Structures are given as structure tokens and as C-alpha cells.
Amino acid sequence: MSTKNKKEDNKGSKAGFFQGVKTEFKKIIWPDRDTLGRQLLAVVCVTVVMGILIAVIDFGAQNLINLITTIGA
């Protein structure tokens, strides 16, 4: 096989890939505005709750380490 034929095969496979991507995007069922709003609210709420939980655990661990290091000193 010559190098010219290999290059043509590569172009065909790239075009085929993007055609496949386009076809797959047509199959996606996009959420409506209400569903998107509810999911956004859920993600924001969970993020805030997890952030607070991590901050409390971090604060407790920091104070525990400070207590342990001051007792040993």
C-alpha cells in the first residue's frame, strides 16, 4: 500500500469518526428547563453540604492535632 492510500484511509476514518459523533449527539435526550433547574439545585445543595461537612471535619482534626502537640510539649 502506498503512503497516499494510507493518508486517504486516515481521512476517511476521521470523517467517519466525526459522522459517528454527530449521529450519537442526535440520540441524546436533553433535559427540559424544569428538570435542569431541579438537577442544578440538587448539585448546588449537595456541594454546599459536603463543603460544610469537610470544613467541620478539617476544623476538628486541626484542633485535635493542636491539642495532641501541646500536651506533648
Protein backbone atom coordinates (compact mmCIF):
# COMPACT_ATOMS: atom_id res chain seq x y z
CA MET A 1 0.00 0.00 0.00
CA SER A 2 1.41 3.39 -0.88
CA THR A 3 1.60 6.31 1.54
CA LYS A 4 -1.03 8.16 -0.47
CA ASN A 5 -3.57 5.38 0.11
CA LYS A 6 -2.76 5.32 3.84
CA LYS A 7 -3.41 9.05 4.11
CA GLU A 8 -6.71 8.70 2.30
CA ASP A 9 -7.72 5.89 4.68
CA ASN A 10 -6.87 8.10 7.66
CA LYS A 11 -9.01 10.94 6.34
CA GLY A 12 -11.89 8.55 5.79
CA SER A 13 -11.64 7.21 9.33
CA LYS A 14 -11.53 10.74 10.80
CA ALA A 15 -14.55 11.78 8.77
CA GLY A 16 -16.30 8.59 9.81
CA PHE A 17 -15.49 9.30 13.46
CA PHE A 18 -17.00 12.78 13.35
CA GLN A 19 -20.02 11.49 11.46
CA GLY A 20 -20.48 8.91 14.23
CA VAL A 21 -20.20 11.63 16.87
CA LYS A 22 -22.83 13.68 15.07
CA THR A 23 -25.13 10.65 14.90
CA GLU A 24 -24.67 9.92 18.61
CA PHE A 25 -25.41 13.54 19.55
CA LYS A 26 -28.75 13.24 17.75
CA LYS A 27 -29.64 10.30 20.05
CA ILE A 28 -29.14 12.30 23.25
CA ILE A 29 -32.29 13.19 25.14
CA TRP A 30 -31.57 16.66 26.51
CA PRO A 31 -33.36 17.63 29.75
CA ASP A 32 -36.03 20.30 29.72
CA ARG A 33 -35.64 23.56 31.63
CA ASP A 34 -37.52 22.37 34.77
CA THR A 35 -35.52 19.15 35.08
CA LEU A 36 -32.28 21.03 34.52
CA GLY A 37 -33.21 23.54 37.24
CA ARG A 38 -34.02 20.78 39.75
CA GLN A 39 -30.77 18.95 39.00
CA LEU A 40 -28.79 22.18 39.30
CA LEU A 41 -30.39 22.91 42.68
CA ALA A 42 -29.61 19.38 43.88
CA VAL A 43 -25.96 19.64 42.81
CA VAL A 44 -25.54 23.05 44.47
CA CYS A 45 -27.17 21.84 47.71
CA VAL A 46 -25.06 18.68 47.89
CA THR A 47 -21.92 20.70 47.14
CA VAL A 48 -22.67 23.19 49.93
CA VAL A 49 -23.48 20.44 52.45
CA MET A 50 -20.33 18.49 51.56
CA GLY A 51 -18.24 21.66 51.80
CA ILE A 52 -19.59 22.38 55.28
CA LEU A 53 -19.03 18.77 56.35
CA ILE A 54 -15.43 18.79 55.11
CA ALA A 55 -14.80 22.15 56.82
CA VAL A 56 -16.14 20.81 60.16
CA ILE A 57 -14.02 17.65 59.90
CA ASP A 58 -10.96 19.71 58.98
CA PHE A 59 -11.54 22.10 61.88
CA GLY A 60 -11.95 19.19 64.32
CA ALA A 61 -8.85 17.40 63.05
CA GLN A 62 -6.81 20.59 63.27
CA ASN A 63 -7.89 21.23 66.85
CA LEU A 64 -7.20 17.59 67.79
CA ILE A 65 -3.69 17.77 66.33
CA ASN A 66 -3.06 21.08 68.13
CA LEU A 67 -4.25 19.52 71.40
CA ILE A 68 -2.00 16.49 70.97
CA THR A 69 1.06 18.58 70.10
CA THR A 70 0.58 20.97 73.05
CA ILE A 71 0.18 18.07 75.53
CA GLY A 72 3.48 16.55 74.38
CA ALA A 73 5.38 19.84 74.63
